Amino acid sequence: MYYGYLWWIVDKDKHIYSAIGNSGNVIYVNPSKNLVIAVTSYFKPTIFDRIDFIQENIEPMFSI
């Protein structure tokens, strides 16, 4: 992932980006789906596992 202005670029072609904080706090933005997901929690695995978790488990619940 690319990084800039305190945001991670998850997918530059789809313009998906995320703010990933300490211990599991995440703001995930997917403009193409008009979707913002905020998670506040303790999440021990690596920082990028949080994005995988959101894309695989949370985002599909809001797909139309």
PDB file of N, CA and C in Angstrom:
ATOM      1  N   MET A   1       0.837  -1.182   0.000  1.00  0.00           N
ATOM      2  CA  MET A   1       0.000   0.000   0.000  1.00  0.00           C
ATOM      3  C   MET A   1       0.881   1.245   0.000  1.00  0.00           C
ATOM      4  N   TYR A   2       0.384   2.280  -0.622  1.00  0.00           N
ATOM      5  CA  TYR A   2       1.066   3.567  -0.618  1.00  0.00           C
ATOM      6  C   TYR A   2       0.631   4.366   0.609  1.00  0.00           C
ATOM      7  N   TYR A   3       1.459   5.332   1.007  1.00  0.00           N
ATOM      8  CA  TYR A   3       1.161   6.119   2.197  1.00  0.00           C
ATOM      9  C   TYR A   3       1.420   7.583   1.908  1.00  0.00           C
ATOM     10  N   GLY A   4       0.503   8.429   2.373  1.00  0.00           N
ATOM     11  CA  GLY A   4       0.712   9.860   2.228  1.00  0.00           C
ATOM     12  C   GLY A   4      -0.337  10.649   2.982  1.00  0.00           C
ATOM     13  N   TYR A   5       0.063  11.757   3.545  1.00  0.00           N
ATOM     14  CA  TYR A   5      -0.843  12.636   4.299  1.00  0.00           C
ATOM     15  C   TYR A   5      -1.563  11.892   5.420  1.00  0.00           C
ATOM     16  N   LEU A   6      -0.875  10.955   6.071  1.00  0.00           N
ATOM     17  CA  LEU A   6      -1.388  10.154   7.185  1.00  0.00           C
ATOM     18  C   LEU A   6      -2.468   9.158   6.778  1.00  0.00           C
ATOM     19  N   TRP A   7      -2.609   8.878   5.489  1.00  0.00           N
ATOM     20  CA  TRP A   7      -3.579   7.910   4.973  1.00  0.00           C
ATOM     21  C   TRP A   7      -2.851   6.848   4.166  1.00  0.00           C
ATOM     22  N   TRP A   8      -3.353   5.621   4.245  1.00  0.00           N
ATOM     23  CA  TRP A   8      -2.851   4.525   3.421  1.00  0.00           C
ATOM     24  C   TRP A   8      -3.724   4.425   2.184  1.00  0.00           C
ATOM     25  N   ILE A   9      -3.096   4.308   1.017  1.00  0.00           N
ATOM     26  CA  ILE A   9      -3.822   4.105  -0.233  1.00  0.00           C
ATOM     27  C   ILE A   9      -3.956   2.593  -0.414  1.00  0.00           C
ATOM     28  N   VAL A  10      -5.166   2.085  -0.199  1.00  0.00           N
ATOM     29  CA  VAL A  10      -5.411   0.647  -0.273  1.00  0.00           C
ATOM     30  C   VAL A  10      -5.449   0.197  -1.730  1.00  0.00           C
ATOM     31  N   ASP A  11      -6.174   0.939  -2.567  1.00  0.00           N
ATOM     32  CA  ASP A  11      -6.282   0.617  -3.992  1.00  0.00           C
ATOM     33  C   ASP A  11      -6.352   1.930  -4.752  1.00  0.00           C
ATOM     34  N   LYS A  12      -5.250   2.319  -5.393  1.00  0.00           N
ATOM     35  CA  LYS A  12      -5.226   3.630  -6.040  1.00  0.00           C
ATOM     36  C   LYS A  12      -6.126   3.693  -7.263  1.00  0.00           C
ATOM     37  N   ASP A  13      -6.381   2.581  -7.935  1.00  0.00           N
ATOM     38  CA  ASP A  13      -7.272   2.589  -9.093  1.00  0.00           C
ATOM     39  C   ASP A  13      -8.734   2.786  -8.684  1.00  0.00           C
ATOM     40  N   LYS A  14      -9.126   2.204  -7.572  1.00  0.00           N
ATOM     41  CA  LYS A  14     -10.508   2.334  -7.077  1.00  0.00           C
ATOM     42  C   LYS A  14     -10.652   3.480  -6.079  1.00  0.00           C
ATOM     43  N   HIS A  15      -9.527   4.163  -5.783  1.00  0.00           N
ATOM     44  CA  HIS A  15      -9.502   5.297  -4.850  1.00  0.00           C
ATOM     45  C   HIS A  15      -9.935   4.901  -3.445  1.00  0.00           C
ATOM     46  N   ILE A  16      -9.592   3.692  -3.024  1.00  0.00           N
ATOM     47  CA  ILE A  16      -9.895   3.222  -1.670  1.00  0.00           C
ATOM     48  C   ILE A  16      -8.718   3.598  -0.772  1.00  0.00           C
ATOM     49  N   TYR A  17      -9.019   4.231   0.353  1.00  0.00           N
ATOM     50  CA  TYR A  17      -7.964   4.639   1.263  1.00  0.00           C
ATOM     51  C   TYR A  17      -8.395   4.419   2.703  1.00  0.00           C
ATOM     52  N   SER A  18      -7.428   4.499   3.618  1.00  0.00           N
ATOM     53  CA  SER A  18      -7.709   4.168   5.003  1.00  0.00           C
ATOM     54  C   SER A  18      -6.752   4.878   5.949  1.00  0.00           C
ATOM     55  N   ALA A  19      -7.286   5.303   7.083  1.00  0.00           N
ATOM     56  CA  ALA A  19      -6.456   5.772   8.190  1.00  0.00           C
ATOM     57  C   ALA A  19      -6.361   4.598   9.154  1.00  0.00           C
ATOM     58  N   ILE A  20      -5.159   4.184   9.472  1.00  0.00           N
ATOM     59  CA  ILE A  20      -4.969   3.013  10.323  1.00  0.00           C
ATOM     60  C   ILE A  20      -4.201   3.455  11.560  1.00  0.00           C
ATOM     61  N   GLY A  21      -4.868   3.355  12.699  1.00  0.00           N
ATOM     62  CA  GLY A  21      -4.269   3.821  13.940  1.00  0.00           C
ATOM     63  C   GLY A  21      -3.692   2.702  14.775  1.00  0.00           C
ATOM     64  N   ASN A  22      -3.299   3.053  15.938  1.00  0.00           N
ATOM     65  CA  ASN A  22      -2.673   2.132  16.866  1.00  0.00           C
ATOM     66  C   ASN A  22      -3.680   1.125  17.422  1.00  0.00           C
ATOM     67  N   SER A  23      -3.293  -0.120  17.497  1.00  0.00           N
ATOM     68  CA  SER A  23      -4.046  -1.201  18.152  1.00  0.00           C
ATOM     69  C   SER A  23      -5.338  -1.616  17.472  1.00  0.00           C
ATOM     70  N   GLY A  24      -5.638  -1.155  16.296  1.00  0.00           N
ATOM     71  CA  GLY A  24      -6.822  -1.646  15.609  1.00  0.00           C
ATOM     72  C   GLY A  24      -7.800  -0.593  15.150  1.00  0.00           C
ATOM     73  N   ASN A  25      -7.562   0.668  15.442  1.00  0.00           N
ATOM     74  CA  ASN A  25      -8.462   1.723  14.998  1.00  0.00           C
ATOM     75  C   ASN A  25      -8.284   1.960  13.504  1.00  0.00           C
ATOM     76  N   VAL A  26      -9.395   1.946  12.776  1.00  0.00           N
ATOM     77  CA  VAL A  26      -9.338   2.065  11.321  1.00  0.00           C
ATOM     78  C   VAL A  26     -10.501   2.921  10.825  1.00  0.00           C
ATOM     79  N   ILE A  27     -10.211   3.788   9.851  1.00  0.00           N
ATOM     80  CA  ILE A  27     -11.244   4.444   9.057  1.00  0.00           C
ATOM     81  C   ILE A  27     -10.981   3.992   7.630  1.00  0.00           C
ATOM     82  N   TYR A  28     -11.942   3.310   7.048  1.00  0.00           N
ATOM     83  CA  TYR A  28     -11.804   2.726   5.712  1.00  0.00           C
ATOM     84  C   TYR A  28     -12.787   3.438   4.803  1.00  0.00           C
ATOM     85  N   VAL A  29     -12.319   3.965   3.676  1.00  0.00           N
ATOM     86  CA  VAL A  29     -13.162   4.742   2.773  1.00  0.00           C
ATOM     87  C   VAL A  29     -13.123   4.136   1.380  1.00  0.00           C
ATOM     88  N   ASN A  30     -14.310   3.798   0.857  1.00  0.00           N
ATOM     89  CA  ASN A  30     -14.443   3.289  -0.504  1.00  0.00           C
ATOM     90  C   ASN A  30     -15.466   4.167  -1.223  1.00  0.00           C
ATOM     91  N   PRO A  31     -15.013   5.231  -1.897  1.00  0.00           N
ATOM     92  CA  PRO A  31     -15.928   6.173  -2.540  1.00  0.00           C
ATOM     93  C   PRO A  31     -16.790   5.549  -3.641  1.00  0.00           C
ATOM     94  N   SER A  32     -16.280   4.546  -4.336  1.00  0.00           N
ATOM     95  CA  SER A  32     -17.057   3.954  -5.429  1.00  0.00           C
ATOM     96  C   SER A  32     -18.316   3.258  -4.924  1.00  0.00           C
ATOM     97  N   LYS A  33     -18.294   2.803  -3.673  1.00  0.00           N
ATOM     98  CA  LYS A  33     -19.464   2.173  -3.061  1.00  0.00           C
ATOM     99  C   LYS A  33     -20.165   3.115  -2.081  1.00  0.00           C
ATOM    100  N   ASN A  34     -19.679   4.375  -2.014  1.00  0.00           N
ATOM    101  CA  ASN A  34     -20.235   5.357  -1.091  1.00  0.00           C
ATOM    102  C   ASN A  34     -20.233   4.798   0.334  1.00  0.00           C
ATOM    103  N   LEU A  35     -19.077   4.265   0.749  1.00  0.00           N
ATOM    104  CA  LEU A  35     -18.978   3.509   1.985  1.00  0.00           C
ATOM    105  C   LEU A  35     -17.819   4.002   2.850  1.00  0.00           C
ATOM    106  N   VAL A  36     -18.119   4.228   4.121  1.00  0.00           N
ATOM    107  CA  VAL A  36     -17.097   4.523   5.120  1.00  0.00           C
ATOM    108  C   VAL A  36     -17.313   3.563   6.275  1.00  0.00           C
ATOM    109  N   ILE A  37     -16.249   2.871   6.681  1.00  0.00           N
ATOM    110  CA  ILE A  37     -16.317   1.933   7.798  1.00  0.00           C
ATOM    111  C   ILE A  37     -15.317   2.397   8.849  1.00  0.00           C
ATOM    112  N   ALA A  38     -15.785   2.572  10.077  1.00  0.00           N
ATOM    113  CA  ALA A  38     -14.904   2.948  11.183  1.00  0.00           C
ATOM    114  C   ALA A  38     -14.904   1.811  12.193  1.00  0.00           C
ATOM    115  N   VAL A  39     -13.719   1.417  12.606  1.00  0.00           N
ATOM    116  CA  VAL A  39     -13.572   0.341  13.577  1.00  0.00           C
ATOM    117  C   VAL A  39     -12.690   0.852  14.711  1.00  0.00           C
ATOM    118  N   THR A  40     -13.163   0.688  15.931  1.00  0.00           N
ATOM    119  CA  THR A  40     -12.328   0.987  17.099  1.00  0.00           C
ATOM    120  C   THR A  40     -12.262  -0.284  17.927  1.00  0.00           C
ATOM    121  N   SER A  41     -11.074  -0.821  18.034  1.00  0.00           N
ATOM    122  CA  SER A  41     -10.924  -2.088  18.741  1.00  0.00           C
ATOM    123  C   SER A  41      -9.453  -2.358  19.011  1.00  0.00           C
ATOM    124  N   TYR A  42      -9.213  -3.469  19.652  1.00  0.00           N
ATOM    125  CA  TYR A  42      -7.858  -3.954  19.828  1.00  0.00           C
ATOM    126  C   TYR A  42      -7.673  -5.105  18.852  1.00  0.00           C
ATOM    127  N   PHE A  43      -6.735  -4.983  17.937  1.00  0.00           N
ATOM    128  CA  PHE A  43      -6.517  -5.974  16.894  1.00  0.00           C
ATOM    129  C   PHE A  43      -5.024  -6.233  16.825  1.00  0.00           C
ATOM    130  N   LYS A  44      -4.587  -7.357  17.302  1.00  0.00           N
ATOM    131  CA  LYS A  44      -3.161  -7.636  17.473  1.00  0.00           C
ATOM    132  C   LYS A  44      -2.377  -7.950  16.194  1.00  0.00           C
ATOM    133  N   PRO A  45      -2.951  -8.685  15.216  1.00  0.00           N
ATOM    134  CA  PRO A  45      -2.124  -9.034  14.041  1.00  0.00           C
ATOM    135  C   PRO A  45      -1.578  -7.795  13.318  1.00  0.00           C
ATOM    136  N   THR A  46      -0.921  -8.014  12.209  1.00  0.00           N
ATOM    137  CA  THR A  46      -0.260  -6.913  11.503  1.00  0.00           C
ATOM    138  C   THR A  46      -1.252  -5.857  11.039  1.00  0.00           C
ATOM    139  N   ILE A  47      -0.744  -4.689  10.762  1.00  0.00           N
ATOM    140  CA  ILE A  47      -1.565  -3.547  10.389  1.00  0.00           C
ATOM    141  C   ILE A  47      -2.415  -3.819   9.141  1.00  0.00           C
ATOM    142  N   PHE A  48      -1.889  -4.564   8.184  1.00  0.00           N
ATOM    143  CA  PHE A  48      -2.616  -4.797   6.935  1.00  0.00           C
ATOM    144  C   PHE A  48      -3.682  -5.869   7.072  1.00  0.00           C
ATOM    145  N   ASP A  49      -3.622  -6.706   8.114  1.00  0.00           N
ATOM    146  CA  ASP A  49      -4.666  -7.687   8.360  1.00  0.00           C
ATOM    147  C   ASP A  49      -6.010  -7.010   8.635  1.00  0.00           C
ATOM    148  N   ARG A  50      -5.970  -5.804   9.165  1.00  0.00           N
ATOM    149  CA  ARG A  50      -7.205  -5.074   9.452  1.00  0.00           C
ATOM    150  C   ARG A  50      -7.960  -4.744   8.175  1.00  0.00           C
ATOM    151  N   ILE A  51      -7.241  -4.346   7.146  1.00  0.00           N
ATOM    152  CA  ILE A  51      -7.867  -4.032   5.861  1.00  0.00           C
ATOM    153  C   ILE A  51      -8.428  -5.301   5.238  1.00  0.00           C
ATOM    154  N   ASP A  52      -7.688  -6.397   5.299  1.00  0.00           N
ATOM    155  CA  ASP A  52      -8.187  -7.676   4.794  1.00  0.00           C
ATOM    156  C   ASP A  52      -9.476  -8.064   5.505  1.00  0.00           C
ATOM    157  N   PHE A  53      -9.504  -7.900   6.818  1.00  0.00           N
ATOM    158  CA  PHE A  53     -10.693  -8.234   7.603  1.00  0.00           C
ATOM    159  C   PHE A  53     -11.889  -7.387   7.160  1.00  0.00           C
ATOM    160  N   ILE A  54     -11.681  -6.103   6.973  1.00  0.00           N
ATOM    161  CA  ILE A  54     -12.768  -5.218   6.538  1.00  0.00           C
ATOM    162  C   ILE A  54     -13.258  -5.616   5.153  1.00  0.00           C
ATOM    163  N   GLN A  55     -12.334  -5.840   4.222  1.00  0.00           N
ATOM    164  CA  GLN A  55     -12.729  -6.153   2.849  1.00  0.00           C
ATOM    165  C   GLN A  55     -13.389  -7.522   2.725  1.00  0.00           C
ATOM    166  N   GLU A  56     -12.981  -8.477   3.538  1.00  0.00           N
ATOM    167  CA  GLU A  56     -13.521  -9.835   3.429  1.00  0.00           C
ATOM    168  C   GLU A  56     -14.781 -10.051   4.262  1.00  0.00           C
ATOM    169  N   ASN A  57     -14.917  -9.342   5.390  1.00  0.00           N
ATOM    170  CA  ASN A  57     -16.009  -9.642   6.309  1.00  0.00           C
ATOM    171  C   ASN A  57     -17.031  -8.533   6.506  1.00  0.00           C
ATOM    172  N   ILE A  58     -16.624  -7.291   6.448  1.00  0.00           N
ATOM    173  CA  ILE A  58     -17.548  -6.198   6.722  1.00  0.00           C
ATOM    174  C   ILE A  58     -18.096  -5.581   5.435  1.00  0.00           C
ATOM    175  N   GLU A  59     -17.223  -5.225   4.516  1.00  0.00           N
ATOM    176  CA  GLU A  59     -17.646  -4.572   3.272  1.00  0.00           C
ATOM    177  C   GLU A  59     -18.695  -5.363   2.492  1.00  0.00           C
ATOM    178  N   PRO A  60     -18.579  -6.703   2.381  1.00  0.00           N
ATOM    179  CA  PRO A  60     -19.601  -7.444   1.632  1.00  0.00           C
ATOM    180  C   PRO A  60     -21.018  -7.335   2.220  1.00  0.00           C
ATOM    181  N   MET A  61     -21.133  -7.029   3.494  1.00  0.00           N
ATOM    182  CA  MET A  61     -22.460  -6.885   4.100  1.00  0.00           C
ATOM    183  C   MET A  61     -23.199  -5.668   3.561  1.00  0.00           C
ATOM    184  N   PHE A  62     -22.453  -4.731   2.955  1.00  0.00           N
ATOM    185  CA  PHE A  62     -23.059  -3.495   2.453  1.00  0.00           C
ATOM    186  C   PHE A  62     -23.092  -3.430   0.932  1.00  0.00           C
ATOM    187  N   SER A  63     -22.724  -4.528   0.279  1.00  0.00           N
ATOM    188  CA  SER A  63     -22.756  -4.562  -1.182  1.00  0.00           C
ATOM    189  C   SER A  63     -24.193  -4.739  -1.662  1.00  0.00           C
ATOM    190  N   ILE A  64     -24.496  -3.993  -2.697  1.00  0.00           N
ATOM    191  CA  ILE A  64     -25.858  -4.064  -3.252  1.00  0.00           C
ATOM    192  C   ILE A  64     -25.843  -4.882  -4.537  1.00  0.00           C
TER     193      ILE A  64
END
